[in-house]
Protein backbone atom coordinates (compact mmCIF):
# COMPACT_ATOMS: atom_id res chain seq x y z
CA UNK A 1 0.00 0.00 0.00
CA UNK A 2 0.96 3.57 -0.47
CA UNK A 3 2.67 4.96 2.67
CA UNK A 4 1.41 8.45 1.95
CA UNK A 5 -2.18 7.20 1.88
CA UNK A 6 -1.70 5.34 5.16
CA UNK A 7 -0.09 8.29 6.92
CA UNK A 8 -2.84 10.61 5.68
CA UNK A 9 -5.49 8.34 7.18
CA UNK A 10 -3.57 8.18 10.43
CA UNK A 11 -3.23 11.97 10.55
CA UNK A 12 -6.96 12.36 10.01
CA UNK A 13 -7.75 9.89 12.81
CA UNK A 14 -5.22 11.60 15.08
CA UNK A 15 -6.71 15.02 14.33
CA UNK A 16 -10.21 13.75 15.14
CA UNK A 17 -8.97 12.19 18.38
CA UNK A 18 -7.30 15.43 19.44
CA UNK A 19 -10.49 17.38 18.69
CA UNK A 20 -12.53 14.94 20.77
CA UNK A 21 -10.12 15.36 23.67
CA UNK A 22 -9.86 19.13 23.58
CA UNK A 23 -13.41 20.03 22.59
CA UNK A 24 -14.85 19.32 26.07
CA UNK A 25 -11.98 21.24 27.67
CA UNK A 26 -12.60 24.20 25.38
CA UNK A 27 -16.33 24.07 26.09
CA UNK A 28 -15.64 24.08 29.82
CA UNK A 29 -13.24 27.00 29.47
CA UNK A 30 -15.80 29.02 27.49
CA UNK A 31 -18.56 28.20 29.97
CA UNK A 32 -16.40 29.29 32.90
CA UNK A 33 -15.46 32.51 31.10
CA UNK A 34 -19.12 33.23 30.29
CA UNK A 35 -20.15 32.62 33.91
CA UNK A 36 -17.37 34.90 35.10
CA UNK A 37 -18.58 37.71 32.84
CA UNK A 38 -22.19 37.14 33.96
CA UNK A 39 -21.14 37.31 37.61
CA UNK A 40 -19.08 40.46 37.11
CA UNK A 41 -21.81 42.24 35.19
CA UNK A 42 -24.42 41.03 37.67
CA UNK A 43 -22.44 42.60 40.51
CA UNK A 44 -22.65 46.05 38.91
CA UNK A 45 -25.31 48.50 39.99
CA UNK A 46 -28.13 49.38 37.62
CA UNK A 47 -26.58 52.81 37.17
CA UNK A 48 -23.24 51.33 36.13
CA UNK A 49 -24.95 48.92 33.74
CA UNK A 50 -26.82 51.85 32.21
CA UNK A 51 -23.47 53.61 31.68
CA UNK A 52 -22.28 50.71 29.52
CA UNK A 53 -25.69 50.39 27.82
CA UNK A 54 -26.53 46.95 29.22
CA UNK A 55 -29.71 46.06 31.07
CA UNK A 56 -29.94 43.24 33.62
CA UNK A 57 -31.96 41.19 31.17
CA UNK A 58 -29.20 41.47 28.56
CA UNK A 59 -26.41 40.16 30.79
CA UNK A 60 -26.66 36.50 29.64
CA UNK A 61 -26.71 37.63 26.00
CA UNK A 62 -23.73 39.94 26.45
CA UNK A 63 -21.81 37.22 28.30
CA UNK A 64 -22.50 34.68 25.57
CA UNK A 65 -21.05 36.88 22.83
CA UNK A 66 -17.51 36.24 21.67
CA UNK A 67 -15.48 39.34 22.07
CA UNK A 68 -13.13 41.20 24.29
CA UNK A 69 -13.78 39.52 27.63
CA UNK A 70 -11.11 41.58 29.35
CA UNK A 71 -13.09 44.79 29.04
CA UNK A 72 -15.38 43.56 31.84
CA UNK A 73 -12.55 42.98 34.32
PDB file of N, CA and C in Angstrom:
ATOM      1  N   UNK A   1       0.830  -1.189   0.000  1.00  0.00           N
ATOM      2  CA  UNK A   1       0.000   0.000   0.000  1.00  0.00           C
ATOM      3  C   UNK A   1       0.872   1.250   0.000  1.00  0.00           C
ATOM      4  N   UNK A   2       0.265   2.302  -0.392  1.00  0.00           N
ATOM      5  CA  UNK A   2       0.958   3.569  -0.468  1.00  0.00           C
ATOM      6  C   UNK A   2       1.139   4.146   0.943  1.00  0.00           C
ATOM      7  N   UNK A   3       2.396   4.435   1.329  1.00  0.00           N
ATOM      8  CA  UNK A   3       2.665   4.959   2.670  1.00  0.00           C
ATOM      9  C   UNK A   3       2.026   6.324   2.883  1.00  0.00           C
ATOM     10  N   UNK A   4       1.997   7.127   1.832  1.00  0.00           N
ATOM     11  CA  UNK A   4       1.405   8.455   1.950  1.00  0.00           C
ATOM     12  C   UNK A   4      -0.085   8.346   2.266  1.00  0.00           C
ATOM     13  N   UNK A   5      -0.756   7.409   1.637  1.00  0.00           N
ATOM     14  CA  UNK A   5      -2.176   7.202   1.883  1.00  0.00           C
ATOM     15  C   UNK A   5      -2.411   6.739   3.315  1.00  0.00           C
ATOM     16  N   UNK A   6      -1.566   5.835   3.796  1.00  0.00           N
ATOM     17  CA  UNK A   6      -1.702   5.342   5.164  1.00  0.00           C
ATOM     18  C   UNK A   6      -1.448   6.448   6.179  1.00  0.00           C
ATOM     19  N   UNK A   7      -0.401   7.239   5.958  1.00  0.00           N
ATOM     20  CA  UNK A   7      -0.087   8.293   6.920  1.00  0.00           C
ATOM     21  C   UNK A   7      -1.171   9.368   6.908  1.00  0.00           C
ATOM     22  N   UNK A   8      -1.758   9.635   5.751  1.00  0.00           N
ATOM     23  CA  UNK A   8      -2.842  10.610   5.675  1.00  0.00           C
ATOM     24  C   UNK A   8      -4.050  10.160   6.473  1.00  0.00           C
ATOM     25  N   UNK A   9      -4.378   8.878   6.402  1.00  0.00           N
ATOM     26  CA  UNK A   9      -5.490   8.340   7.179  1.00  0.00           C
ATOM     27  C   UNK A   9      -5.203   8.404   8.664  1.00  0.00           C
ATOM     28  N   UNK A  10      -3.960   8.114   9.027  1.00  0.00           N
ATOM     29  CA  UNK A  10      -3.573   8.180  10.429  1.00  0.00           C
ATOM     30  C   UNK A  10      -3.656   9.613  10.942  1.00  0.00           C
ATOM     31  N   UNK A  11      -3.182  10.560  10.139  1.00  0.00           N
ATOM     32  CA  UNK A  11      -3.229  11.966  10.547  1.00  0.00           C
ATOM     33  C   UNK A  11      -4.668  12.422  10.750  1.00  0.00           C
ATOM     34  N   UNK A  12      -5.556  11.988   9.883  1.00  0.00           N
ATOM     35  CA  UNK A  12      -6.959  12.358  10.014  1.00  0.00           C
ATOM     36  C   UNK A  12      -7.550  11.780  11.301  1.00  0.00           C
ATOM     37  N   UNK A  13      -7.255  10.514  11.577  1.00  0.00           N
ATOM     38  CA  UNK A  13      -7.749   9.895  12.812  1.00  0.00           C
ATOM     39  C   UNK A  13      -7.152  10.572  14.034  1.00  0.00           C
ATOM     40  N   UNK A  14      -5.880  10.917  13.966  1.00  0.00           N
ATOM     41  CA  UNK A  14      -5.223  11.598  15.082  1.00  0.00           C
ATOM     42  C   UNK A  14      -5.845  12.976  15.304  1.00  0.00           C
ATOM     43  N   UNK A  15      -6.098  13.694  14.228  1.00  0.00           N
ATOM     44  CA  UNK A  15      -6.711  15.022  14.331  1.00  0.00           C
ATOM     45  C   UNK A  15      -8.095  14.928  14.968  1.00  0.00           C
ATOM     46  N   UNK A  16      -8.877  13.929  14.561  1.00  0.00           N
ATOM     47  CA  UNK A  16     -10.211  13.746  15.143  1.00  0.00           C
ATOM     48  C   UNK A  16     -10.116  13.399  16.623  1.00  0.00           C
ATOM     49  N   UNK A  17      -9.150  12.567  16.984  1.00  0.00           N
ATOM     50  CA  UNK A  17      -8.970  12.185  18.385  1.00  0.00           C
ATOM     51  C   UNK A  17      -8.591  13.399  19.230  1.00  0.00           C
ATOM     52  N   UNK A  18      -7.712  14.229  18.707  1.00  0.00           N
ATOM     53  CA  UNK A  18      -7.302  15.433  19.439  1.00  0.00           C
ATOM     54  C   UNK A  18      -8.491  16.368  19.616  1.00  0.00           C
ATOM     55  N   UNK A  19      -9.300  16.527  18.579  1.00  0.00           N
ATOM     56  CA  UNK A  19     -10.485  17.383  18.685  1.00  0.00           C
ATOM     57  C   UNK A  19     -11.461  16.846  19.731  1.00  0.00           C
ATOM     58  N   UNK A  20     -11.631  15.536  19.773  1.00  0.00           N
ATOM     59  CA  UNK A  20     -12.527  14.945  20.768  1.00  0.00           C
ATOM     60  C   UNK A  20     -12.014  15.169  22.184  1.00  0.00           C
ATOM     61  N   UNK A  21     -10.699  15.149  22.341  1.00  0.00           N
ATOM     62  CA  UNK A  21     -10.124  15.358  23.669  1.00  0.00           C
ATOM     63  C   UNK A  21     -10.211  16.812  24.111  1.00  0.00           C
ATOM     64  N   UNK A  22      -9.939  17.730  23.196  1.00  0.00           N
ATOM     65  CA  UNK A  22      -9.858  19.129  23.578  1.00  0.00           C
ATOM     66  C   UNK A  22     -11.180  19.876  23.461  1.00  0.00           C
ATOM     67  N   UNK A  23     -12.128  19.354  22.730  1.00  0.00           N
ATOM     68  CA  UNK A  23     -13.409  20.032  22.592  1.00  0.00           C
ATOM     69  C   UNK A  23     -14.130  20.183  23.931  1.00  0.00           C
ATOM     70  N   UNK A  24     -14.212  19.139  24.758  1.00  0.00           N
ATOM     71  CA  UNK A  24     -14.854  19.322  26.068  1.00  0.00           C
ATOM     72  C   UNK A  24     -14.091  20.314  26.946  1.00  0.00           C
ATOM     73  N   UNK A  25     -12.775  20.297  26.871  1.00  0.00           N
ATOM     74  CA  UNK A  25     -11.983  21.235  27.668  1.00  0.00           C
ATOM     75  C   UNK A  25     -12.239  22.664  27.210  1.00  0.00           C
ATOM     76  N   UNK A  26     -12.333  22.862  25.909  1.00  0.00           N
ATOM     77  CA  UNK A  26     -12.601  24.201  25.379  1.00  0.00           C
ATOM     78  C   UNK A  26     -14.006  24.652  25.769  1.00  0.00           C
ATOM     79  N   UNK A  27     -14.958  23.742  25.701  1.00  0.00           N
ATOM     80  CA  UNK A  27     -16.328  24.072  26.091  1.00  0.00           C
ATOM     81  C   UNK A  27     -16.389  24.476  27.561  1.00  0.00           C
ATOM     82  N   UNK A  28     -15.680  23.749  28.398  1.00  0.00           N
ATOM     83  CA  UNK A  28     -15.644  24.078  29.822  1.00  0.00           C
ATOM     84  C   UNK A  28     -15.002  25.442  30.043  1.00  0.00           C
ATOM     85  N   UNK A  29     -13.916  25.711  29.338  1.00  0.00           N
ATOM     86  CA  UNK A  29     -13.238  26.995  29.472  1.00  0.00           C
ATOM     87  C   UNK A  29     -14.168  28.140  29.061  1.00  0.00           C
ATOM     88  N   UNK A  30     -14.882  27.982  27.945  1.00  0.00           N
ATOM     89  CA  UNK A  30     -15.797  29.023  27.485  1.00  0.00           C
ATOM     90  C   UNK A  30     -16.960  29.211  28.453  1.00  0.00           C
ATOM     91  N   UNK A  31     -17.471  28.113  29.004  1.00  0.00           N
ATOM     92  CA  UNK A  31     -18.561  28.198  29.971  1.00  0.00           C
ATOM     93  C   UNK A  31     -18.109  28.949  31.222  1.00  0.00           C
ATOM     94  N   UNK A  32     -16.912  28.614  31.707  1.00  0.00           N
ATOM     95  CA  UNK A  32     -16.398  29.291  32.903  1.00  0.00           C
ATOM     96  C   UNK A  32     -16.180  30.776  32.640  1.00  0.00           C
ATOM     97  N   UNK A  33     -15.682  31.110  31.462  1.00  0.00           N
ATOM     98  CA  UNK A  33     -15.462  32.507  31.102  1.00  0.00           C
ATOM     99  C   UNK A  33     -16.800  33.252  31.025  1.00  0.00           C
ATOM    100  N   UNK A  34     -17.790  32.613  30.412  1.00  0.00           N
ATOM    101  CA  UNK A  34     -19.119  33.226  30.288  1.00  0.00           C
ATOM    102  C   UNK A  34     -19.737  33.459  31.669  1.00  0.00           C
ATOM    103  N   UNK A  35     -19.619  32.463  32.553  1.00  0.00           N
ATOM    104  CA  UNK A  35     -20.152  32.616  33.913  1.00  0.00           C
ATOM    105  C   UNK A  35     -19.430  33.733  34.661  1.00  0.00           C
ATOM    106  N   UNK A  36     -18.142  33.849  34.459  1.00  0.00           N
ATOM    107  CA  UNK A  36     -17.373  34.904  35.103  1.00  0.00           C
ATOM    108  C   UNK A  36     -17.863  36.280  34.654  1.00  0.00           C
ATOM    109  N   UNK A  37     -18.087  36.431  33.358  1.00  0.00           N
ATOM    110  CA  UNK A  37     -18.581  37.709  32.836  1.00  0.00           C
ATOM    111  C   UNK A  37     -19.981  37.982  33.379  1.00  0.00           C
ATOM    112  N   UNK A  38     -20.835  36.962  33.408  1.00  0.00           N
ATOM    113  CA  UNK A  38     -22.186  37.141  33.958  1.00  0.00           C
ATOM    114  C   UNK A  38     -22.124  37.580  35.416  1.00  0.00           C
ATOM    115  N   UNK A  39     -21.262  36.955  36.193  1.00  0.00           N
ATOM    116  CA  UNK A  39     -21.144  37.306  37.611  1.00  0.00           C
ATOM    117  C   UNK A  39     -20.626  38.728  37.793  1.00  0.00           C
ATOM    118  N   UNK A  40     -19.642  39.102  36.990  1.00  0.00           N
ATOM    119  CA  UNK A  40     -19.082  40.456  37.108  1.00  0.00           C
ATOM    120  C   UNK A  40     -20.097  41.511  36.703  1.00  0.00           C
ATOM    121  N   UNK A  41     -20.798  41.273  35.616  1.00  0.00           N
ATOM    122  CA  UNK A  41     -21.813  42.238  35.193  1.00  0.00           C
ATOM    123  C   UNK A  41     -22.976  42.263  36.182  1.00  0.00           C
ATOM    124  N   UNK A  42     -23.330  41.103  36.705  1.00  0.00           N
ATOM    125  CA  UNK A  42     -24.422  41.033  37.672  1.00  0.00           C
ATOM    126  C   UNK A  42     -24.110  41.764  38.964  1.00  0.00           C
ATOM    127  N   UNK A  43     -22.845  41.908  39.282  1.00  0.00           N
ATOM    128  CA  UNK A  43     -22.442  42.596  40.505  1.00  0.00           C
ATOM    129  C   UNK A  43     -22.491  44.118  40.361  1.00  0.00           C
ATOM    130  N   UNK A  44     -22.602  44.601  39.128  1.00  0.00           N
ATOM    131  CA  UNK A  44     -22.651  46.047  38.910  1.00  0.00           C
ATOM    132  C   UNK A  44     -24.023  46.596  39.291  1.00  0.00           C
ATOM    133  N   UNK A  45     -24.033  47.845  39.686  1.00  0.00           N
ATOM    134  CA  UNK A  45     -25.311  48.503  39.991  1.00  0.00           C
ATOM    135  C   UNK A  45     -26.051  48.791  38.686  1.00  0.00           C
ATOM    136  N   UNK A  46     -27.345  49.051  38.812  1.00  0.00           N
ATOM    137  CA  UNK A  46     -28.135  49.383  37.621  1.00  0.00           C
ATOM    138  C   UNK A  46     -27.594  50.637  36.939  1.00  0.00           C
ATOM    139  N   UNK A  47     -27.131  51.576  37.733  1.00  0.00           N
ATOM    140  CA  UNK A  47     -26.582  52.813  37.170  1.00  0.00           C
ATOM    141  C   UNK A  47     -25.327  52.523  36.347  1.00  0.00           C
ATOM    142  N   UNK A  48     -24.461  51.668  36.866  1.00  0.00           N
ATOM    143  CA  UNK A  48     -23.236  51.330  36.131  1.00  0.00           C
ATOM    144  C   UNK A  48     -23.564  50.550  34.857  1.00  0.00           C
ATOM    145  N   UNK A  49     -24.544  49.659  34.942  1.00  0.00           N
ATOM    146  CA  UNK A  49     -24.952  48.925  33.742  1.00  0.00           C
ATOM    147  C   UNK A  49     -25.508  49.878  32.691  1.00  0.00           C
ATOM    148  N   UNK A  50     -26.264  50.866  33.149  1.00  0.00           N
ATOM    149  CA  UNK A  50     -26.817  51.851  32.214  1.00  0.00           C
ATOM    150  C   UNK A  50     -25.696  52.621  31.521  1.00  0.00           C
ATOM    151  N   UNK A  51     -24.615  52.897  32.259  1.00  0.00           N
ATOM    152  CA  UNK A  51     -23.470  53.605  31.678  1.00  0.00           C
ATOM    153  C   UNK A  51     -22.835  52.836  30.522  1.00  0.00           C
ATOM    154  N   UNK A  52     -22.865  51.516  30.599  1.00  0.00           N
ATOM    155  CA  UNK A  52     -22.283  50.715  29.517  1.00  0.00           C
ATOM    156  C   UNK A  52     -23.356  50.174  28.576  1.00  0.00           C
ATOM    157  N   UNK A  53     -24.567  50.712  28.719  1.00  0.00           N
ATOM    158  CA  UNK A  53     -25.693  50.395  27.824  1.00  0.00           C
ATOM    159  C   UNK A  53     -26.067  48.915  27.841  1.00  0.00           C
ATOM    160  N   UNK A  54     -26.122  48.348  29.054  1.00  0.00           N
ATOM    161  CA  UNK A  54     -26.528  46.951  29.217  1.00  0.00           C
ATOM    162  C   UNK A  54     -27.588  46.907  30.309  1.00  0.00           C
ATOM    163  N   UNK A  55     -28.697  46.241  30.031  1.00  0.00           N
ATOM    164  CA  UNK A  55     -29.714  46.062  31.068  1.00  0.00           C
ATOM    165  C   UNK A  55     -29.489  44.714  31.745  1.00  0.00           C
ATOM    166  N   UNK A  56     -30.096  44.524  32.905  1.00  0.00           N
ATOM    167  CA  UNK A  56     -29.942  43.244  33.622  1.00  0.00           C
ATOM    168  C   UNK A  56     -30.396  42.065  32.766  1.00  0.00           C
ATOM    169  N   UNK A  57     -31.448  42.261  32.011  1.00  0.00           N
ATOM    170  CA  UNK A  57     -31.957  41.186  31.166  1.00  0.00           C
ATOM    171  C   UNK A  57     -31.030  40.818  30.021  1.00  0.00           C
ATOM    172  N   UNK A  58     -30.134  41.718  29.669  1.00  0.00           N
ATOM    173  CA  UNK A  58     -29.202  41.468  28.563  1.00  0.00           C
ATOM    174  C   UNK A  58     -27.897  40.816  29.004  1.00  0.00           C
ATOM    175  N   UNK A  59     -27.685  40.684  30.297  1.00  0.00           N
ATOM    176  CA  UNK A  59     -26.411  40.157  30.795  1.00  0.00           C
ATOM    177  C   UNK A  59     -26.087  38.777  30.212  1.00  0.00           C
ATOM    178  N   UNK A  60     -27.015  37.805  30.229  1.00  0.00           N
ATOM    179  CA  UNK A  60     -26.661  36.501  29.636  1.00  0.00           C
ATOM    180  C   UNK A  60     -26.303  36.598  28.152  1.00  0.00           C
ATOM    181  N   UNK A  61     -27.007  37.454  27.423  1.00  0.00           N
ATOM    182  CA  UNK A  61     -26.705  37.628  25.998  1.00  0.00           C
ATOM    183  C   UNK A  61     -25.320  38.238  25.805  1.00  0.00           C
ATOM    184  N   UNK A  62     -25.033  39.282  26.563  1.00  0.00           N
ATOM    185  CA  UNK A  62     -23.727  39.943  26.447  1.00  0.00           C
ATOM    186  C   UNK A  62     -22.615  38.969  26.818  1.00  0.00           C
ATOM    187  N   UNK A  63     -22.828  38.176  27.859  1.00  0.00           N
ATOM    188  CA  UNK A  63     -21.806  37.224  28.301  1.00  0.00           C
ATOM    189  C   UNK A  63     -21.596  36.106  27.290  1.00  0.00           C
ATOM    190  N   UNK A  64     -22.623  35.781  26.526  1.00  0.00           N
ATOM    191  CA  UNK A  64     -22.496  34.678  25.568  1.00  0.00           C
ATOM    192  C   UNK A  64     -21.828  35.101  24.270  1.00  0.00           C
ATOM    193  N   UNK A  65     -21.660  36.389  24.063  1.00  0.00           N
ATOM    194  CA  UNK A  65     -21.047  36.885  22.833  1.00  0.00           C
ATOM    195  C   UNK A  65     -19.540  36.694  22.882  1.00  0.00           C
ATOM    196  N   UNK A  66     -18.967  36.274  21.766  1.00  0.00           N
ATOM    197  CA  UNK A  66     -17.513  36.244  21.673  1.00  0.00           C
ATOM    198  C   UNK A  66     -17.040  37.674  21.521  1.00  0.00           C
ATOM    199  N   UNK A  67     -15.983  37.983  22.175  1.00  0.00           N
ATOM    200  CA  UNK A  67     -15.481  39.343  22.066  1.00  0.00           C
ATOM    201  C   UNK A  67     -14.368  39.585  23.051  1.00  0.00           C
ATOM    202  N   UNK A  68     -14.195  40.817  23.377  1.00  0.00           N
ATOM    203  CA  UNK A  68     -13.131  41.201  24.288  1.00  0.00           C
ATOM    204  C   UNK A  68     -13.613  41.009  25.721  1.00  0.00           C
ATOM    205  N   UNK A  69     -13.333  39.838  26.275  1.00  0.00           N
ATOM    206  CA  UNK A  69     -13.782  39.520  27.629  1.00  0.00           C
ATOM    207  C   UNK A  69     -13.079  40.378  28.667  1.00  0.00           C
ATOM    208  N   UNK A  70     -11.893  40.833  28.365  1.00  0.00           N
ATOM    209  CA  UNK A  70     -11.114  41.578  29.347  1.00  0.00           C
ATOM    210  C   UNK A  70     -11.696  42.953  29.642  1.00  0.00           C
ATOM    211  N   UNK A  71     -12.556  43.459  28.787  1.00  0.00           N
ATOM    212  CA  UNK A  71     -13.090  44.794  29.044  1.00  0.00           C
ATOM    213  C   UNK A  71     -14.047  44.801  30.229  1.00  0.00           C
ATOM    214  N   UNK A  72     -14.491  43.631  30.688  1.00  0.00           N
ATOM    215  CA  UNK A  72     -15.384  43.558  31.837  1.00  0.00           C
ATOM    216  C   UNK A  72     -14.638  43.221  33.122  1.00  0.00           C
ATOM    217  N   UNK A  73     -13.329  43.265  33.102  1.00  0.00           N
ATOM    218  CA  UNK A  73     -12.546  42.979  34.315  1.00  0.00           C
ATOM    219  C   UNK A  73     -12.483  44.176  35.207  1.00  0.00           C
TER     220      UNK A  73
END
